[in-house]
């Protein structure tokens, strides 16, 4: 607060205003004082005031230089702090990027893990697979046994059919032979009747 007050004071007074003129007045006073034995009191007071103003101006310049130096130091300190904050911010940004990349990797791994779990859930376990294989094996054995039974039945029916065909063929042959025998018997009976009639006719003729 005090430094700001000094700064406003220096600015309001006018920094270094009239310094050249005062120096010229003091130099002229000393030159004139050599020529006269006793200078005028008014001139002495005027030069004394000018010297005081010059001294005050020098003090002001010193204070300004000190304040500038202090402000430069503070600015350097602030600049260092700002640079440190910037570096820290960059580090935090890099850490955030690394954390984000790690989070993306973790998320991707979780998704892959879930997919793998779903696939594993869809694929049966070894015990389940063995159980299903046993069921398929048992079913195949049952089908094989059933096929054997059906083949045996088919063979039996085929044999029965062949036997039936043989019996039918024999029966047909027997029927055919029987028909031939009946036809032959009828012809013999006719011939015998014709012979008997001829004999009777001959006997009648002889009488």
C-alpha atoms as a PDB file:
ATOM      1  CA  UNK A   1       0.000   0.000   0.000  1.00  0.00           C
ATOM      2  CA  UNK A   2       2.865   2.395   0.894  1.00  0.00           C
ATOM      3  CA  UNK A   3       4.637   1.657  -2.394  1.00  0.00           C
ATOM      4  CA  UNK A   4       1.486   2.435  -4.358  1.00  0.00           C
ATOM      5  CA  UNK A   5       1.190   5.771  -2.469  1.00  0.00           C
ATOM      6  CA  UNK A   6       4.785   6.692  -3.402  1.00  0.00           C
ATOM      7  CA  UNK A   7       4.122   5.721  -6.974  1.00  0.00           C
ATOM      8  CA  UNK A   8       1.024   7.916  -7.224  1.00  0.00           C
ATOM      9  CA  UNK A   9       2.940  10.795  -5.558  1.00  0.00           C
ATOM     10  CA  UNK A  10       5.792  10.548  -8.026  1.00  0.00           C
ATOM     11  CA  UNK A  11       3.429  10.442 -10.966  1.00  0.00           C
ATOM     12  CA  UNK A  12       1.411  13.448  -9.689  1.00  0.00           C
ATOM     13  CA  UNK A  13       4.570  15.506  -9.052  1.00  0.00           C
ATOM     14  CA  UNK A  14       5.902  14.859 -12.514  1.00  0.00           C
ATOM     15  CA  UNK A  15       8.899  12.609 -12.650  1.00  0.00           C
ATOM     16  CA  UNK A  16      12.064  14.651 -13.208  1.00  0.00           C
ATOM     17  CA  UNK A  17      10.190  17.814 -14.268  1.00  0.00           C
ATOM     18  CA  UNK A  18      12.475  20.943 -14.319  1.00  0.00           C
ATOM     19  CA  UNK A  19      15.657  19.154 -13.234  1.00  0.00           C
ATOM     20  CA  UNK A  20      17.702  20.536 -16.088  1.00  0.00           C
ATOM     21  CA  UNK A  21      16.523  24.056 -15.354  1.00  0.00           C
ATOM     22  CA  UNK A  22      17.431  23.748 -11.660  1.00  0.00           C
ATOM     23  CA  UNK A  23      20.881  22.425 -12.488  1.00  0.00           C
ATOM     24  CA  UNK A  24      21.423  25.338 -14.828  1.00  0.00           C
ATOM     25  CA  UNK A  25      20.253  27.791 -12.120  1.00  0.00           C
ATOM     26  CA  UNK A  26      22.657  26.288  -9.549  1.00  0.00           C
ATOM     27  CA  UNK A  27      25.556  26.351 -12.020  1.00  0.00           C
ATOM     28  CA  UNK A  28      24.786  29.950 -12.951  1.00  0.00           C
ATOM     29  CA  UNK A  29      24.548  30.929  -9.262  1.00  0.00           C
ATOM     30  CA  UNK A  30      27.989  29.508  -8.515  1.00  0.00           C
ATOM     31  CA  UNK A  31      29.467  31.248 -11.528  1.00  0.00           C
ATOM     32  CA  UNK A  32      27.900  34.574 -10.511  1.00  0.00           C
ATOM     33  CA  UNK A  33      28.921  34.139  -6.873  1.00  0.00           C
ATOM     34  CA  UNK A  34      32.547  34.119  -7.909  1.00  0.00           C
ATOM     35  CA  UNK A  35      32.153  37.522  -9.437  1.00  0.00           C
ATOM     36  CA  UNK A  36      30.500  39.197  -6.440  1.00  0.00           C
ATOM     37  CA  UNK A  37      31.717  39.328  -2.901  1.00  0.00           C
ATOM     38  CA  UNK A  38      28.415  38.531  -1.223  1.00  0.00           C
ATOM     39  CA  UNK A  39      25.453  37.016  -3.050  1.00  0.00           C
ATOM     40  CA  UNK A  40      21.950  38.171  -2.439  1.00  0.00           C
ATOM     41  CA  UNK A  41      19.964  36.401   0.242  1.00  0.00           C
ATOM     42  CA  UNK A  42      17.042  35.871  -2.111  1.00  0.00           C
ATOM     43  CA  UNK A  43      19.338  34.180  -4.602  1.00  0.00           C
ATOM     44  CA  UNK A  44      20.814  32.009  -1.854  1.00  0.00           C
ATOM     45  CA  UNK A  45      17.358  30.970  -0.688  1.00  0.00           C
ATOM     46  CA  UNK A  46      16.332  30.283  -4.240  1.00  0.00           C
ATOM     47  CA  UNK A  47      19.395  28.150  -4.890  1.00  0.00           C
ATOM     48  CA  UNK A  48      18.974  26.402  -1.540  1.00  0.00           C
ATOM     49  CA  UNK A  49      15.414  25.547  -2.450  1.00  0.00           C
ATOM     50  CA  UNK A  50      16.570  24.336  -5.855  1.00  0.00           C
ATOM     51  CA  UNK A  51      19.192  22.142  -4.194  1.00  0.00           C
ATOM     52  CA  UNK A  52      16.584  20.759  -1.823  1.00  0.00           C
ATOM     53  CA  UNK A  53      14.305  20.016  -4.761  1.00  0.00           C
ATOM     54  CA  UNK A  54      17.181  18.343  -6.570  1.00  0.00           C
ATOM     55  CA  UNK A  55      17.967  16.284  -3.478  1.00  0.00           C
ATOM     56  CA  UNK A  56      14.300  15.344  -3.168  1.00  0.00           C
ATOM     57  CA  UNK A  57      14.273  14.403  -6.821  1.00  0.00           C
ATOM     58  CA  UNK A  58      17.328  12.233  -6.282  1.00  0.00           C
ATOM     59  CA  UNK A  59      15.628  10.557  -3.341  1.00  0.00           C
ATOM     60  CA  UNK A  60      12.579  10.025  -5.512  1.00  0.00           C
ATOM     61  CA  UNK A  61      14.734   8.528  -8.245  1.00  0.00           C
ATOM     62  CA  UNK A  62      16.381   6.230  -5.715  1.00  0.00           C
ATOM     63  CA  UNK A  63      13.012   5.166  -4.377  1.00  0.00           C
ATOM     64  CA  UNK A  64      11.760   4.635  -7.906  1.00  0.00           C
ATOM     65  CA  UNK A  65      14.839   2.558  -8.703  1.00  0.00           C
ATOM     66  CA  UNK A  66      14.347   0.539  -5.514  1.00  0.00           C
ATOM     67  CA  UNK A  67      10.667   0.039  -6.264  1.00  0.00           C
ATOM     68  CA  UNK A  68      11.474  -0.918  -9.832  1.00  0.00           C
ATOM     69  CA  UNK A  69      14.071  -3.365  -8.602  1.00  0.00           C
ATOM     70  CA  UNK A  70      11.659  -4.760  -6.037  1.00  0.00           C
ATOM     71  CA  UNK A  71       8.889  -4.982  -8.587  1.00  0.00           C
ATOM     72  CA  UNK A  72      11.261  -6.655 -11.027  1.00  0.00           C
ATOM     73  CA  UNK A  73      12.174  -9.148  -8.303  1.00  0.00           C
ATOM     74  CA  UNK A  74       8.510  -9.690  -7.537  1.00  0.00           C
ATOM     75  CA  UNK A  75       7.748 -10.029 -11.224  1.00  0.00           C
ATOM     76  CA  UNK A  76      10.550 -12.557 -11.559  1.00  0.00           C
ATOM     77  CA  UNK A  77       9.154 -14.404  -8.562  1.00  0.00           C
ATOM     78  CA  UNK A  78       5.654 -14.257 -10.002  1.00  0.00           C
ATOM     79  CA  UNK A  79       6.989 -15.368 -13.366  1.00  0.00           C
ATOM     80  CA  UNK A  80       8.735 -18.291 -11.667  1.00  0.00           C
ATOM     81  CA  UNK A  81       5.566 -19.182  -9.815  1.00  0.00           C
ATOM     82  CA  UNK A  82       3.575 -18.901 -13.039  1.00  0.00           C
ATOM     83  CA  UNK A  83       6.110 -21.078 -14.836  1.00  0.00           C
ATOM     84  CA  UNK A  84       5.920 -23.574 -11.983  1.00  0.00           C
ATOM     85  CA  UNK A  85       2.131 -23.527 -12.150  1.00  0.00           C
ATOM     86  CA  UNK A  86       2.278 -23.987 -15.914  1.00  0.00           C
ATOM     87  CA  UNK A  87       4.705 -26.889 -15.537  1.00  0.00           C
ATOM     88  CA  UNK A  88       2.498 -28.370 -12.838  1.00  0.00           C
ATOM     89  CA  UNK A  89      -0.533 -27.914 -15.070  1.00  0.00           C
ATOM     90  CA  UNK A  90       1.262 -29.628 -17.951  1.00  0.00           C
ATOM     91  CA  UNK A  91       2.211 -32.478 -15.624  1.00  0.00           C
ATOM     92  CA  UNK A  92      -1.382 -32.758 -14.472  1.00  0.00           C
ATOM     93  CA  UNK A  93      -2.525 -32.730 -18.093  1.00  0.00           C
ATOM     94  CA  UNK A  94      -0.056 -35.502 -18.928  1.00  0.00           C
ATOM     95  CA  UNK A  95      -1.211 -37.459 -15.885  1.00  0.00           C
ATOM     96  CA  UNK A  96      -4.817 -36.906 -16.936  1.00  0.00           C
ATOM     97  CA  UNK A  97      -3.977 -38.128 -20.451  1.00  0.00           C
ATOM     98  CA  UNK A  98      -2.272 -41.194 -19.005  1.00  0.00           C
ATOM     99  CA  UNK A  99      -5.210 -41.855 -16.697  1.00  0.00           C
ATOM    100  CA  UNK A 100      -7.618 -41.386 -19.606  1.00  0.00           C
ATOM    101  CA  UNK A 101      -5.628 -43.797 -21.769  1.00  0.00           C
ATOM    102  CA  UNK A 102      -5.481 -46.257 -18.878  1.00  0.00           C
ATOM    103  CA  UNK A 103      -9.222 -45.868 -18.314  1.00  0.00           C
ATOM    104  CA  UNK A 104      -9.851 -46.520 -22.016  1.00  0.00           C
ATOM    105  CA  UNK A 105      -7.643 -49.609 -21.826  1.00  0.00           C
ATOM    106  CA  UNK A 106      -9.469 -50.826 -18.719  1.00  0.00           C
ATOM    107  CA  UNK A 107     -12.828 -50.203 -20.397  1.00  0.00           C
ATOM    108  CA  UNK A 108     -11.694 -52.065 -23.511  1.00  0.00           C
ATOM    109  CA  UNK A 109     -10.405 -54.948 -21.387  1.00  0.00           C
ATOM    110  CA  UNK A 110     -13.708 -55.085 -19.525  1.00  0.00           C
ATOM    111  CA  UNK A 111     -15.616 -55.201 -22.800  1.00  0.00           C
ATOM    112  CA  UNK A 112     -13.362 -57.981 -24.079  1.00  0.00           C
ATOM    113  CA  UNK A 113     -13.770 -59.801 -20.774  1.00  0.00           C
ATOM    114  CA  UNK A 114     -17.553 -59.538 -20.997  1.00  0.00           C
ATOM    115  CA  UNK A 115     -17.498 -60.832 -24.568  1.00  0.00           C
ATOM    116  CA  UNK A 116     -15.275 -63.712 -23.479  1.00  0.00           C
ATOM    117  CA  UNK A 117     -17.587 -64.481 -20.564  1.00  0.00           C
ATOM    118  CA  UNK A 118     -20.586 -64.473 -22.898  1.00  0.00           C
ATOM    119  CA  UNK A 119     -18.791 -66.815 -25.289  1.00  0.00           C
ATOM    120  CA  UNK A 120     -17.795 -69.084 -22.413  1.00  0.00           C
ATOM    121  CA  UNK A 121     -21.376 -69.084 -21.185  1.00  0.00           C
ATOM    122  CA  UNK A 122     -22.573 -70.061 -24.655  1.00  0.00           C
ATOM    123  CA  UNK A 123     -19.986 -72.841 -24.963  1.00  0.00           C
ATOM    124  CA  UNK A 124     -20.831 -75.807 -22.703  1.00  0.00           C
ATOM    125  CA  UNK A 125     -18.401 -77.018 -20.105  1.00  0.00           C
ATOM    126  CA  UNK A 126     -16.340 -80.184 -20.499  1.00  0.00           C
ATOM    127  CA  UNK A 127     -18.651 -82.090 -18.182  1.00  0.00           C
ATOM    128  CA  UNK A 128     -21.691 -80.896 -20.129  1.00  0.00           C
ATOM    129  CA  UNK A 129     -20.007 -81.837 -23.401  1.00  0.00           C
ATOM    130  CA  UNK A 130     -19.121 -85.305 -22.085  1.00  0.00           C
ATOM    131  CA  UNK A 131     -22.668 -85.781 -20.851  1.00  0.00           C
ATOM    132  CA  UNK A 132     -24.083 -84.822 -24.239  1.00  0.00           C
ATOM    133  CA  UNK A 133     -21.593 -87.121 -25.970  1.00  0.00           C
ATOM    134  CA  UNK A 134     -22.689 -89.971 -23.723  1.00  0.00           C
ATOM    135  CA  UNK A 135     -26.308 -89.212 -24.555  1.00  0.00           C
ATOM    136  CA  UNK A 136     -25.515 -89.196 -28.275  1.00  0.00           C
ATOM    137  CA  UNK A 137     -23.568 -92.437 -27.893  1.00  0.00           C
ATOM    138  CA  UNK A 138     -26.447 -94.080 -26.028  1.00  0.00           C
ATOM    139  CA  UNK A 139     -28.890 -92.834 -28.645  1.00  0.00           C
ATOM    140  CA  UNK A 140     -26.705 -94.222 -31.431  1.00  0.00           C
ATOM    141  CA  UNK A 141     -26.510 -97.567 -29.662  1.00  0.00           C
ATOM    142  CA  UNK A 142     -30.285 -97.619 -29.266  1.00  0.00           C
ATOM    143  CA  UNK A 143     -30.717 -96.759 -32.929  1.00  0.00           C
ATOM    144  CA  UNK A 144     -28.240 -99.486 -33.858  1.00  0.00           C
ATOM    145  CA  UNK A 145     -30.103-102.053 -31.772  1.00  0.00           C
ATOM    146  CA  UNK A 146     -33.373-100.909 -33.274  1.00  0.00           C
ATOM    147  CA  UNK A 147     -31.866-101.220 -36.741  1.00  0.00           C
ATOM    148  CA  UNK A 148     -30.765-104.779 -35.940  1.00  0.00           C
ATOM    149  CA  UNK A 149     -34.266-105.650 -34.735  1.00  0.00           C
ATOM    150  CA  UNK A 150     -35.837-104.133 -37.842  1.00  0.00           C
ATOM    151  CA  UNK A 151     -33.381-105.975 -40.087  1.00  0.00           C
ATOM    152  CA  UNK A 152     -34.150-109.235 -38.272  1.00  0.00           C
ATOM    153  CA  UNK A 153     -37.885-108.652 -38.661  1.00  0.00           C
ATOM    154  CA  UNK A 154     -37.403-107.792 -42.323  1.00  0.00           C
ATOM    155  CA  UNK A 155     -35.373-110.963 -42.871  1.00  0.00           C
ATOM    156  CA  UNK A 156     -38.012-113.034 -41.064  1.00  0.00           C
ATOM    157  CA  UNK A 157     -40.777-111.541 -43.161  1.00  0.00           C
ATOM    158  CA  UNK A 158     -38.731-112.085 -46.303  1.00  0.00           C
ATOM    159  CA  UNK A 159     -38.286-115.744 -45.358  1.00  0.00           C
ATOM    160  CA  UNK A 160     -41.996-116.068 -44.627  1.00  0.00           C
ATOM    161  CA  UNK A 161     -42.784-114.465 -47.975  1.00  0.00           C
ATOM    162  CA  UNK A 162     -40.446-116.841 -49.791  1.00  0.00           C
ATOM    163  CA  UNK A 163     -42.002-119.798 -47.978  1.00  0.00           C
ATOM    164  CA  UNK A 164     -45.447-118.505 -48.846  1.00  0.00           C
ATOM    165  CA  UNK A 165     -44.406-118.145 -52.483  1.00  0.00           C
ATOM    166  CA  UNK A 166     -43.108-121.711 -52.490  1.00  0.00           C
ATOM    167  CA  UNK A 167     -46.311-122.994 -50.898  1.00  0.00           C
ATOM    168  CA  UNK A 168     -48.389-120.968 -53.348  1.00  0.00           C
ATOM    169  CA  UNK A 169     -46.364-122.257 -56.281  1.00  0.00           C
ATOM    170  CA  UNK A 170     -46.719-125.835 -55.062  1.00  0.00           C
ATOM    171  CA  UNK A 171     -50.415-125.325 -54.510  1.00  0.00           C
ATOM    172  CA  UNK A 172     -50.840-123.914 -57.997  1.00  0.00           C
ATOM    173  CA  UNK A 173     -48.912-126.838 -59.483  1.00  0.00           C
ATOM    174  CA  UNK A 174     -50.964-129.264 -57.428  1.00  0.00           C
ATOM    175  CA  UNK A 175     -54.163-127.637 -58.599  1.00  0.00           C
ATOM    176  CA  UNK A 176     -52.987-127.778 -62.193  1.00  0.00           C
ATOM    177  CA  UNK A 177     -52.102-131.463 -61.909  1.00  0.00           C
ATOM    178  CA  UNK A 178     -55.426-132.184 -60.244  1.00  0.00           C
ATOM    179  CA  UNK A 179     -57.235-130.449 -63.095  1.00  0.00           C
ATOM    180  CA  UNK A 180     -55.314-132.516 -65.625  1.00  0.00           C
ATOM    181  CA  UNK A 181     -56.169-135.728 -63.762  1.00  0.00           C
ATOM    182  CA  UNK A 182     -59.846-134.903 -63.735  1.00  0.00           C
ATOM    183  CA  UNK A 183     -59.807-134.153 -67.470  1.00  0.00           C
ATOM    184  CA  UNK A 184     -58.078-137.475 -68.207  1.00  0.00           C
ATOM    185  CA  UNK A 185     -60.627-139.445 -66.117  1.00  0.00           C
ATOM    186  CA  UNK A 186     -63.538-137.979 -68.010  1.00  0.00           C
ATOM    187  CA  UNK A 187     -62.041-138.985 -71.373  1.00  0.00           C
ATOM    188  CA  UNK A 188     -61.508-142.595 -70.173  1.00  0.00           C
ATOM    189  CA  UNK A 189     -65.092-142.882 -68.980  1.00  0.00           C
ATOM    190  CA  UNK A 190     -66.345-141.757 -72.401  1.00  0.00           C
ATOM    191  CA  UNK A 191     -64.249-144.311 -74.225  1.00  0.00           C
ATOM    192  CA  UNK A 192     -65.466-147.107 -71.945  1.00  0.00           C
ATOM    193  CA  UNK A 193     -69.076-146.143 -72.588  1.00  0.00           C
ATOM    194  CA  UNK A 194     -68.454-146.151 -76.350  1.00  0.00           C
ATOM    195  CA  UNK A 195     -66.897-149.611 -76.147  1.00  0.00           C
ATOM    196  CA  UNK A 196     -69.843-150.954 -74.150  1.00  0.00           C
ATOM    197  CA  UNK A 197     -72.298-149.581 -76.679  1.00  0.00           C
ATOM    198  CA  UNK A 198     -70.398-151.168 -79.574  1.00  0.00           C
ATOM    199  CA  UNK A 199     -70.413-154.541 -77.832  1.00  0.00           C
ATOM    200  CA  UNK A 200     -74.121-154.328 -77.207  1.00  0.00           C
ATOM    201  CA  UNK A 201     -74.792-153.469 -80.821  1.00  0.00           C
ATOM    202  CA  UNK A 202     -72.728-156.411 -82.016  1.00  0.00           C
ATOM    203  CA  UNK A 203     -74.550-158.799 -79.745  1.00  0.00           C
ATOM    204  CA  UNK A 204     -77.881-157.603 -81.037  1.00  0.00           C
ATOM    205  CA  UNK A 205     -76.773-158.031 -84.616  1.00  0.00           C
ATOM    206  CA  UNK A 206     -75.675-161.567 -84.004  1.00  0.00           C
ATOM    207  CA  UNK A 207     -79.045-162.467 -82.635  1.00  0.00           C
END
